[in-house]
Amino acid sequence: MDKSLAEIFRLEPDLQGFFLQVRRLEGQFRFDREEMEALGQAYFDKYPEKFVQRNLEEVRLGYQLTRFCLLEKSMAGMKRELKDFFRQAFDQPENIAGLVAGLSGSGQGPELAAGFGQLQASLDGLKAIVDELPKGMVKERFLGGLSSLLNVCYLLKLFIGRIGQESLQD
């Protein structure tokens, strides 16, 4: 990769352009502690933190930014179909039951379970890095993004677990 996520973020005029550029990397980017801190700094350069009259939309953008990067990194090496499934599930958690049923109904339950295992392991590794970030607003944004990912992982685990139980009953 030629540019870091922080450099891409600084070059893109909006979050959607950044997301498009990062998605093209297919999860093949450095995302260690230094990279997370650099991305956080780039975010705060663009959206300075205000302790009076905070802009809650900008705070939500920070969570969205970190959630997106963490998810894309955690899906590195997955098949496109699984990536699309997980993107949809994390984007629309209210539809997880139907999404899981659709993919498992097409005979891809074992592949989904394996992909979910990979996703969870990768997110665990990324969480360990986030935990190492120094206390401050960068860490807070990453924890906010990570928290929402872990909430959706819980739902995915429930519904994917049901697939295994149903196949045992057949």
N, C-alpha and C. Protein backbone atom coordinates (compact mmCIF):
# COMPACT_ATOMS: atom_id res chain seq x y z
N MET A 1 0.85 -1.18 0.00
CA MET A 1 0.00 0.00 0.00
C MET A 1 0.89 1.23 0.00
N ASP A 2 0.55 2.16 -0.83
CA ASP A 2 1.36 3.37 -0.96
C ASP A 2 1.08 4.37 0.16
N LYS A 3 -0.18 4.57 0.49
CA LYS A 3 -0.57 5.59 1.45
C LYS A 3 -1.16 4.95 2.70
N SER A 4 -0.96 5.61 3.82
CA SER A 4 -1.58 5.15 5.06
C SER A 4 -3.04 5.57 5.06
N LEU A 5 -3.82 4.99 5.95
CA LEU A 5 -5.23 5.39 6.07
C LEU A 5 -5.33 6.86 6.43
N ALA A 6 -4.43 7.35 7.27
CA ALA A 6 -4.45 8.76 7.66
C ALA A 6 -4.23 9.66 6.44
N GLU A 7 -3.30 9.26 5.57
CA GLU A 7 -3.06 10.06 4.36
C GLU A 7 -4.27 10.04 3.44
N ILE A 8 -4.87 8.87 3.29
CA ILE A 8 -6.07 8.77 2.44
C ILE A 8 -7.18 9.64 3.02
N PHE A 9 -7.34 9.58 4.35
CA PHE A 9 -8.39 10.38 5.00
C PHE A 9 -8.17 11.87 4.75
N ARG A 10 -6.94 12.31 4.83
CA ARG A 10 -6.65 13.73 4.61
C ARG A 10 -6.90 14.15 3.17
N LEU A 11 -6.68 13.23 2.23
CA LEU A 11 -6.84 13.55 0.81
C LEU A 11 -8.30 13.54 0.35
N GLU A 12 -9.12 12.74 1.00
CA GLU A 12 -10.51 12.61 0.56
C GLU A 12 -11.36 13.73 1.18
N PRO A 13 -12.18 14.37 0.35
CA PRO A 13 -12.99 15.49 0.88
C PRO A 13 -14.13 15.05 1.80
N ASP A 14 -14.57 13.80 1.68
CA ASP A 14 -15.66 13.35 2.53
C ASP A 14 -15.47 11.89 2.93
N LEU A 15 -16.26 11.46 3.88
CA LEU A 15 -16.13 10.12 4.43
C LEU A 15 -16.45 9.04 3.39
N GLN A 16 -17.41 9.28 2.52
CA GLN A 16 -17.77 8.28 1.52
C GLN A 16 -16.62 8.03 0.55
N GLY A 17 -15.92 9.08 0.17
CA GLY A 17 -14.75 8.91 -0.69
C GLY A 17 -13.66 8.11 0.01
N PHE A 18 -13.47 8.39 1.29
CA PHE A 18 -12.50 7.64 2.09
C PHE A 18 -12.89 6.18 2.14
N PHE A 19 -14.17 5.90 2.41
CA PHE A 19 -14.63 4.52 2.49
C PHE A 19 -14.38 3.78 1.18
N LEU A 20 -14.66 4.43 0.08
CA LEU A 20 -14.45 3.82 -1.24
C LEU A 20 -12.97 3.46 -1.44
N GLN A 21 -12.08 4.38 -1.10
CA GLN A 21 -10.64 4.13 -1.25
C GLN A 21 -10.17 2.99 -0.35
N VAL A 22 -10.65 2.97 0.88
CA VAL A 22 -10.23 1.92 1.82
C VAL A 22 -10.78 0.57 1.39
N ARG A 23 -12.01 0.54 0.94
CA ARG A 23 -12.62 -0.74 0.50
C ARG A 23 -11.82 -1.34 -0.64
N ARG A 24 -11.28 -0.51 -1.49
CA ARG A 24 -10.46 -1.00 -2.61
C ARG A 24 -9.20 -1.71 -2.15
N LEU A 25 -8.78 -1.43 -0.93
CA LEU A 25 -7.56 -2.06 -0.40
C LEU A 25 -7.79 -3.50 0.05
N GLU A 26 -9.06 -3.92 0.13
CA GLU A 26 -9.41 -5.30 0.48
C GLU A 26 -8.82 -5.74 1.83
N GLY A 27 -8.71 -4.79 2.76
CA GLY A 27 -8.18 -5.12 4.09
C GLY A 27 -6.67 -5.22 4.15
N GLN A 28 -6.01 -4.98 3.03
CA GLN A 28 -4.55 -5.10 2.97
C GLN A 28 -3.91 -3.74 3.29
N PHE A 29 -4.00 -3.35 4.54
CA PHE A 29 -3.37 -2.12 5.00
C PHE A 29 -2.89 -2.32 6.43
N ARG A 30 -1.86 -1.56 6.78
CA ARG A 30 -1.36 -1.61 8.16
C ARG A 30 -2.39 -0.97 9.07
N PHE A 31 -2.61 -1.62 10.21
CA PHE A 31 -3.55 -1.04 11.17
C PHE A 31 -3.10 -1.37 12.58
N ASP A 32 -1.85 -1.03 12.84
CA ASP A 32 -1.28 -1.22 14.17
C ASP A 32 -1.56 0.04 15.01
N ARG A 33 -0.98 0.06 16.19
CA ARG A 33 -1.23 1.18 17.11
C ARG A 33 -0.86 2.53 16.47
N GLU A 34 0.29 2.59 15.83
CA GLU A 34 0.74 3.85 15.23
C GLU A 34 -0.22 4.31 14.13
N GLU A 35 -0.69 3.36 13.34
CA GLU A 35 -1.62 3.71 12.26
C GLU A 35 -2.96 4.19 12.82
N MET A 36 -3.42 3.53 13.87
CA MET A 36 -4.67 3.97 14.50
C MET A 36 -4.52 5.38 15.06
N GLU A 37 -3.40 5.64 15.72
CA GLU A 37 -3.17 6.98 16.28
C GLU A 37 -3.09 8.02 15.17
N ALA A 38 -2.42 7.69 14.07
CA ALA A 38 -2.30 8.62 12.95
C ALA A 38 -3.67 8.91 12.33
N LEU A 39 -4.48 7.87 12.17
CA LEU A 39 -5.83 8.08 11.62
C LEU A 39 -6.66 8.92 12.58
N GLY A 40 -6.55 8.63 13.87
CA GLY A 40 -7.27 9.44 14.86
C GLY A 40 -6.85 10.89 14.82
N GLN A 41 -5.57 11.14 14.67
CA GLN A 41 -5.08 12.52 14.59
C GLN A 41 -5.62 13.21 13.33
N ALA A 42 -5.62 12.48 12.22
CA ALA A 42 -6.14 13.05 10.97
C ALA A 42 -7.62 13.39 11.14
N TYR A 43 -8.36 12.52 11.81
CA TYR A 43 -9.78 12.78 12.07
C TYR A 43 -9.94 14.06 12.90
N PHE A 44 -9.16 14.19 13.97
CA PHE A 44 -9.30 15.36 14.84
C PHE A 44 -8.76 16.63 14.18
N ASP A 45 -7.86 16.49 13.22
CA ASP A 45 -7.43 17.67 12.46
C ASP A 45 -8.58 18.19 11.62
N LYS A 46 -9.36 17.26 11.07
CA LYS A 46 -10.49 17.64 10.22
C LYS A 46 -11.72 18.03 11.05
N TYR A 47 -11.91 17.35 12.18
CA TYR A 47 -13.06 17.59 13.06
C TYR A 47 -12.56 17.83 14.48
N PRO A 48 -12.04 19.03 14.76
CA PRO A 48 -11.47 19.28 16.09
C PRO A 48 -12.50 19.06 17.20
N GLU A 49 -12.02 18.45 18.28
CA GLU A 49 -12.88 18.18 19.43
C GLU A 49 -13.18 19.50 20.15
N LYS A 50 -14.45 19.68 20.45
CA LYS A 50 -14.88 20.87 21.18
C LYS A 50 -15.45 20.40 22.52
N PHE A 51 -14.98 21.01 23.57
CA PHE A 51 -15.47 20.61 24.88
C PHE A 51 -16.71 21.41 25.27
N VAL A 52 -16.98 22.47 24.54
CA VAL A 52 -18.20 23.25 24.73
C VAL A 52 -18.94 23.20 23.40
N GLN A 53 -20.22 22.95 23.47
CA GLN A 53 -21.06 22.82 22.27
C GLN A 53 -20.50 21.78 21.30
N ARG A 54 -20.32 20.55 21.82
CA ARG A 54 -19.81 19.46 21.00
C ARG A 54 -20.74 19.20 19.82
N ASN A 55 -20.16 18.86 18.70
CA ASN A 55 -20.93 18.51 17.53
C ASN A 55 -21.11 16.98 17.54
N LEU A 56 -22.28 16.52 17.96
CA LEU A 56 -22.52 15.09 18.10
C LEU A 56 -22.47 14.36 16.76
N GLU A 57 -22.78 15.05 15.69
CA GLU A 57 -22.69 14.42 14.36
C GLU A 57 -21.23 14.09 14.04
N GLU A 58 -20.32 14.98 14.40
CA GLU A 58 -18.91 14.71 14.17
C GLU A 58 -18.41 13.57 15.05
N VAL A 59 -18.93 13.45 16.25
CA VAL A 59 -18.57 12.33 17.13
C VAL A 59 -19.04 11.03 16.48
N ARG A 60 -20.28 11.01 15.97
CA ARG A 60 -20.80 9.83 15.29
C ARG A 60 -19.97 9.49 14.04
N LEU A 61 -19.52 10.52 13.34
CA LEU A 61 -18.65 10.28 12.18
C LEU A 61 -17.36 9.58 12.60
N GLY A 62 -16.83 9.95 13.75
CA GLY A 62 -15.63 9.29 14.26
C GLY A 62 -15.87 7.83 14.55
N TYR A 63 -17.01 7.53 15.15
CA TYR A 63 -17.36 6.13 15.41
C TYR A 63 -17.54 5.38 14.10
N GLN A 64 -18.20 6.01 13.15
CA GLN A 64 -18.43 5.38 11.85
C GLN A 64 -17.10 5.12 11.14
N LEU A 65 -16.20 6.07 11.21
CA LEU A 65 -14.89 5.94 10.59
C LEU A 65 -14.12 4.76 11.19
N THR A 66 -14.05 4.69 12.50
CA THR A 66 -13.29 3.62 13.14
C THR A 66 -13.96 2.27 12.93
N ARG A 67 -15.28 2.24 13.02
CA ARG A 67 -16.03 0.98 12.81
C ARG A 67 -15.75 0.45 11.41
N PHE A 68 -15.80 1.33 10.42
CA PHE A 68 -15.56 0.93 9.04
C PHE A 68 -14.16 0.34 8.87
N CYS A 69 -13.15 1.04 9.37
CA CYS A 69 -11.77 0.58 9.21
C CYS A 69 -11.53 -0.73 9.94
N LEU A 70 -12.05 -0.85 11.15
CA LEU A 70 -11.89 -2.10 11.90
C LEU A 70 -12.55 -3.27 11.18
N LEU A 71 -13.75 -3.05 10.63
CA LEU A 71 -14.45 -4.12 9.92
C LEU A 71 -13.72 -4.50 8.65
N GLU A 72 -13.30 -3.51 7.87
CA GLU A 72 -12.61 -3.82 6.62
C GLU A 72 -11.31 -4.58 6.89
N LYS A 73 -10.58 -4.19 7.91
CA LYS A 73 -9.34 -4.90 8.24
C LYS A 73 -9.64 -6.32 8.70
N SER A 74 -10.71 -6.49 9.45
CA SER A 74 -11.03 -7.82 9.98
C SER A 74 -11.50 -8.78 8.89
N MET A 75 -11.88 -8.27 7.74
CA MET A 75 -12.36 -9.13 6.65
C MET A 75 -11.28 -9.41 5.60
N ALA A 76 -10.05 -9.01 5.87
CA ALA A 76 -8.96 -9.24 4.91
C ALA A 76 -8.88 -10.73 4.56
N GLY A 77 -8.82 -11.02 3.28
CA GLY A 77 -8.67 -12.39 2.83
C GLY A 77 -9.96 -13.17 2.66
N MET A 78 -11.08 -12.60 3.02
CA MET A 78 -12.37 -13.30 2.86
C MET A 78 -12.86 -13.21 1.42
N LYS A 79 -13.68 -14.18 1.05
CA LYS A 79 -14.34 -14.14 -0.26
C LYS A 79 -15.28 -12.93 -0.31
N ARG A 80 -15.44 -12.40 -1.51
CA ARG A 80 -16.28 -11.21 -1.70
C ARG A 80 -17.70 -11.44 -1.19
N GLU A 81 -18.26 -12.62 -1.42
CA GLU A 81 -19.64 -12.89 -0.99
C GLU A 81 -19.78 -12.78 0.54
N LEU A 82 -18.79 -13.29 1.27
CA LEU A 82 -18.83 -13.18 2.73
C LEU A 82 -18.64 -11.74 3.17
N LYS A 83 -17.73 -11.04 2.52
CA LYS A 83 -17.52 -9.62 2.85
C LYS A 83 -18.83 -8.85 2.66
N ASP A 84 -19.48 -9.09 1.54
CA ASP A 84 -20.75 -8.39 1.27
C ASP A 84 -21.79 -8.73 2.34
N PHE A 85 -21.82 -10.01 2.74
CA PHE A 85 -22.75 -10.43 3.78
C PHE A 85 -22.47 -9.67 5.08
N PHE A 86 -21.21 -9.67 5.51
CA PHE A 86 -20.87 -9.02 6.77
C PHE A 86 -21.08 -7.51 6.71
N ARG A 87 -20.75 -6.90 5.59
CA ARG A 87 -21.00 -5.46 5.46
C ARG A 87 -22.47 -5.15 5.63
N GLN A 88 -23.31 -5.96 5.00
CA GLN A 88 -24.75 -5.76 5.10
C GLN A 88 -25.23 -6.00 6.54
N ALA A 89 -24.73 -7.04 7.17
CA ALA A 89 -25.14 -7.36 8.54
C ALA A 89 -24.75 -6.25 9.51
N PHE A 90 -23.55 -5.70 9.36
CA PHE A 90 -23.11 -4.64 10.26
C PHE A 90 -23.78 -3.31 9.94
N ASP A 91 -24.17 -3.15 8.70
CA ASP A 91 -24.86 -1.93 8.28
C ASP A 91 -26.34 -1.96 8.68
N GLN A 92 -26.94 -3.14 8.67
CA GLN A 92 -28.37 -3.30 8.95
C GLN A 92 -28.59 -4.43 9.94
N PRO A 93 -28.19 -4.23 11.19
CA PRO A 93 -28.31 -5.33 12.16
C PRO A 93 -29.74 -5.82 12.37
N GLU A 94 -30.70 -4.98 12.07
CA GLU A 94 -32.09 -5.39 12.22
C GLU A 94 -32.47 -6.48 11.22
N ASN A 95 -31.66 -6.69 10.19
CA ASN A 95 -31.93 -7.69 9.15
C ASN A 95 -31.08 -8.95 9.28
N ILE A 96 -30.34 -9.09 10.37
CA ILE A 96 -29.40 -10.21 10.52
C ILE A 96 -30.09 -11.56 10.40
N ALA A 97 -31.22 -11.74 11.04
CA ALA A 97 -31.90 -13.04 11.00
C ALA A 97 -32.16 -13.47 9.55
N GLY A 98 -32.69 -12.57 8.76
CA GLY A 98 -32.98 -12.88 7.37
C GLY A 98 -31.73 -13.09 6.53
N LEU A 99 -30.71 -12.29 6.80
CA LEU A 99 -29.46 -12.43 6.05
C LEU A 99 -28.80 -13.79 6.33
N VAL A 100 -28.77 -14.18 7.60
CA VAL A 100 -28.18 -15.47 7.96
C VAL A 100 -29.00 -16.60 7.36
N ALA A 101 -30.32 -16.50 7.46
CA ALA A 101 -31.19 -17.55 6.91
C ALA A 101 -30.98 -17.68 5.40
N GLY A 102 -30.83 -16.55 4.72
CA GLY A 102 -30.64 -16.57 3.27
C GLY A 102 -29.34 -17.25 2.87
N LEU A 103 -28.28 -16.91 3.56
CA LEU A 103 -26.98 -17.49 3.21
C LEU A 103 -26.91 -18.96 3.62
N SER A 104 -27.44 -19.28 4.77
CA SER A 104 -27.40 -20.69 5.21
C SER A 104 -28.35 -21.54 4.38
N GLY A 105 -29.46 -20.95 3.94
CA GLY A 105 -30.41 -21.67 3.10
C GLY A 105 -29.84 -22.03 1.75
N SER A 106 -28.83 -21.30 1.32
CA SER A 106 -28.18 -21.61 0.04
C SER A 106 -27.02 -22.59 0.23
N GLY A 107 -26.98 -23.21 1.41
CA GLY A 107 -25.97 -24.23 1.68
C GLY A 107 -24.62 -23.69 2.12
N GLN A 108 -24.56 -22.43 2.47
CA GLN A 108 -23.28 -21.83 2.83
C GLN A 108 -23.13 -21.61 4.33
N GLY A 109 -23.91 -22.33 5.12
CA GLY A 109 -23.83 -22.22 6.58
C GLY A 109 -22.45 -22.49 7.13
N PRO A 110 -21.79 -23.60 6.72
CA PRO A 110 -20.44 -23.87 7.24
C PRO A 110 -19.43 -22.79 6.85
N GLU A 111 -19.53 -22.29 5.62
CA GLU A 111 -18.62 -21.23 5.18
C GLU A 111 -18.87 -19.94 5.97
N LEU A 112 -20.14 -19.66 6.24
CA LEU A 112 -20.50 -18.49 7.04
C LEU A 112 -19.94 -18.62 8.45
N ALA A 113 -20.09 -19.78 9.05
CA ALA A 113 -19.58 -20.00 10.41
C ALA A 113 -18.06 -19.85 10.44
N ALA A 114 -17.37 -20.39 9.45
CA ALA A 114 -15.91 -20.27 9.40
C ALA A 114 -15.50 -18.81 9.21
N GLY A 115 -16.19 -18.11 8.33
CA GLY A 115 -15.90 -16.69 8.10
C GLY A 115 -16.14 -15.86 9.35
N PHE A 116 -17.20 -16.19 10.07
CA PHE A 116 -17.49 -15.48 11.31
C PHE A 116 -16.40 -15.75 12.36
N GLY A 117 -15.92 -16.96 12.41
CA GLY A 117 -14.81 -17.28 13.32
C GLY A 117 -13.58 -16.45 13.00
N GLN A 118 -13.28 -16.31 11.72
CA GLN A 118 -12.15 -15.50 11.28
C GLN A 118 -12.37 -14.04 11.67
N LEU A 119 -13.57 -13.55 11.43
CA LEU A 119 -13.91 -12.16 11.74
C LEU A 119 -13.74 -11.89 13.24
N GLN A 120 -14.26 -12.80 14.06
CA GLN A 120 -14.15 -12.62 15.50
C GLN A 120 -12.69 -12.63 15.96
N ALA A 121 -11.90 -13.55 15.44
CA ALA A 121 -10.49 -13.62 15.83
C ALA A 121 -9.76 -12.34 15.44
N SER A 122 -10.05 -11.85 14.26
CA SER A 122 -9.40 -10.62 13.80
C SER A 122 -9.83 -9.43 14.66
N LEU A 123 -11.12 -9.34 14.95
CA LEU A 123 -11.59 -8.24 15.80
C LEU A 123 -10.99 -8.33 17.20
N ASP A 124 -10.80 -9.53 17.71
CA ASP A 124 -10.15 -9.69 19.02
C ASP A 124 -8.73 -9.13 18.98
N GLY A 125 -8.02 -9.41 17.90
CA GLY A 125 -6.67 -8.88 17.74
C GLY A 125 -6.66 -7.36 17.64
N LEU A 126 -7.61 -6.82 16.91
CA LEU A 126 -7.71 -5.37 16.77
C LEU A 126 -8.11 -4.73 18.10
N LYS A 127 -8.97 -5.40 18.85
CA LYS A 127 -9.36 -4.88 20.16
C LYS A 127 -8.15 -4.78 21.08
N ALA A 128 -7.26 -5.77 21.02
CA ALA A 128 -6.05 -5.73 21.84
C ALA A 128 -5.20 -4.52 21.49
N ILE A 129 -5.14 -4.17 20.21
CA ILE A 129 -4.40 -2.98 19.79
C ILE A 129 -5.09 -1.72 20.30
N VAL A 130 -6.40 -1.64 20.15
CA VAL A 130 -7.15 -0.48 20.64
C VAL A 130 -6.94 -0.32 22.14
N ASP A 131 -6.92 -1.42 22.86
CA ASP A 131 -6.71 -1.37 24.31
C ASP A 131 -5.36 -0.76 24.66
N GLU A 132 -4.38 -0.88 23.77
CA GLU A 132 -3.04 -0.33 24.00
C GLU A 132 -2.94 1.16 23.69
N LEU A 133 -3.93 1.71 23.01
CA LEU A 133 -3.89 3.14 22.69
C LEU A 133 -3.88 3.95 23.99
N PRO A 134 -3.16 5.06 24.00
CA PRO A 134 -3.16 5.89 25.20
C PRO A 134 -4.55 6.48 25.46
N LYS A 135 -4.86 6.69 26.72
CA LYS A 135 -6.14 7.30 27.06
C LYS A 135 -6.28 8.63 26.34
N GLY A 136 -7.47 8.87 25.84
CA GLY A 136 -7.71 10.12 25.14
C GLY A 136 -8.83 9.96 24.13
N MET A 137 -9.03 10.99 23.35
CA MET A 137 -10.15 11.03 22.42
C MET A 137 -9.98 10.04 21.26
N VAL A 138 -8.76 9.78 20.82
CA VAL A 138 -8.56 8.80 19.73
C VAL A 138 -9.02 7.43 20.21
N LYS A 139 -8.58 7.05 21.39
CA LYS A 139 -8.98 5.76 21.94
C LYS A 139 -10.49 5.70 22.13
N GLU A 140 -11.07 6.80 22.58
CA GLU A 140 -12.53 6.84 22.79
C GLU A 140 -13.28 6.59 21.49
N ARG A 141 -12.82 7.18 20.39
CA ARG A 141 -13.49 6.96 19.10
C ARG A 141 -13.36 5.51 18.67
N PHE A 142 -12.18 4.93 18.84
CA PHE A 142 -11.99 3.53 18.46
C PHE A 142 -12.83 2.61 19.35
N LEU A 143 -12.89 2.90 20.63
CA LEU A 143 -13.72 2.07 21.51
C LEU A 143 -15.20 2.17 21.14
N GLY A 144 -15.64 3.35 20.76
CA GLY A 144 -17.03 3.52 20.33
C GLY A 144 -17.34 2.72 19.07
N GLY A 145 -16.44 2.78 18.09
CA GLY A 145 -16.63 2.01 16.87
C GLY A 145 -16.57 0.51 17.13
N LEU A 146 -15.62 0.10 17.94
CA LEU A 146 -15.45 -1.31 18.28
C LEU A 146 -16.65 -1.84 19.05
N SER A 147 -17.17 -1.04 19.95
CA SER A 147 -18.32 -1.45 20.76
C SER A 147 -19.52 -1.81 19.89
N SER A 148 -19.79 -0.99 18.89
CA SER A 148 -20.94 -1.29 18.03
C SER A 148 -20.68 -2.55 17.20
N LEU A 149 -19.43 -2.77 16.78
CA LEU A 149 -19.11 -4.00 16.05
C LEU A 149 -19.32 -5.23 16.92
N LEU A 150 -18.90 -5.13 18.16
CA LEU A 150 -19.05 -6.28 19.06
C LEU A 150 -20.52 -6.56 19.39
N ASN A 151 -21.34 -5.53 19.44
CA ASN A 151 -22.78 -5.74 19.64
C ASN A 151 -23.38 -6.52 18.48
N VAL A 152 -23.00 -6.17 17.28
CA VAL A 152 -23.51 -6.88 16.10
C VAL A 152 -22.94 -8.30 16.06
N CYS A 153 -21.69 -8.46 16.47
CA CYS A 153 -21.09 -9.81 16.53
C CYS A 153 -21.90 -10.72 17.45
N TYR A 154 -22.38 -10.16 18.54
CA TYR A 154 -23.21 -10.95 19.46
C TYR A 154 -24.46 -11.47 18.75
N LEU A 155 -25.12 -10.59 17.99
CA LEU A 155 -26.31 -11.01 17.24
C LEU A 155 -25.95 -12.06 16.19
N LEU A 156 -24.87 -11.83 15.48
CA LEU A 156 -24.43 -12.80 14.48
C LEU A 156 -24.16 -14.16 15.12
N LYS A 157 -23.50 -14.14 16.25
CA LYS A 157 -23.19 -15.40 16.95
C LYS A 157 -24.47 -16.15 17.30
N LEU A 158 -25.47 -15.43 17.76
CA LEU A 158 -26.75 -16.08 18.09
C LEU A 158 -27.38 -16.74 16.87
N PHE A 159 -27.48 -15.99 15.79
CA PHE A 159 -28.17 -16.52 14.61
C PHE A 159 -27.35 -17.56 13.86
N ILE A 160 -26.04 -17.39 13.80
CA ILE A 160 -25.20 -18.40 13.16
C ILE A 160 -25.19 -19.67 14.01
N GLY A 161 -25.23 -19.51 15.32
CA GLY A 161 -25.29 -20.67 16.22
C GLY A 161 -26.55 -21.48 16.01
N ARG A 162 -27.63 -20.83 15.68
CA ARG A 162 -28.89 -21.53 15.42
C ARG A 162 -28.80 -22.43 14.19
N ILE A 163 -27.99 -22.02 13.23
CA ILE A 163 -27.81 -22.83 12.02
C ILE A 163 -27.24 -24.19 12.41
N GLY A 164 -26.20 -24.16 13.24
CA GLY A 164 -25.56 -25.40 13.69
C GLY A 164 -26.53 -26.28 14.46
N GLN A 165 -27.35 -25.68 15.30
CA GLN A 165 -28.31 -26.45 16.09
C GLN A 165 -29.38 -27.06 15.18
N GLU A 166 -29.81 -26.29 14.18
CA GLU A 166 -30.85 -26.79 13.27
C GLU A 166 -30.31 -27.96 12.44
N SER A 167 -29.02 -27.87 12.02
CA SER A 167 -28.48 -28.95 11.20
C SER A 167 -28.28 -30.22 12.03
N LEU A 168 -28.05 -30.06 13.33
CA LEU A 168 -27.95 -31.23 14.20
C LEU A 168 -29.29 -31.92 14.39
N GLN A 169 -30.38 -31.15 14.31
CA GLN A 169 -31.71 -31.71 14.50
C GLN A 169 -32.22 -32.40 13.24
N ASP A 170 -31.65 -32.06 12.10
CA ASP A 170 -32.12 -32.68 10.82
C ASP A 170 -31.69 -34.11 10.69
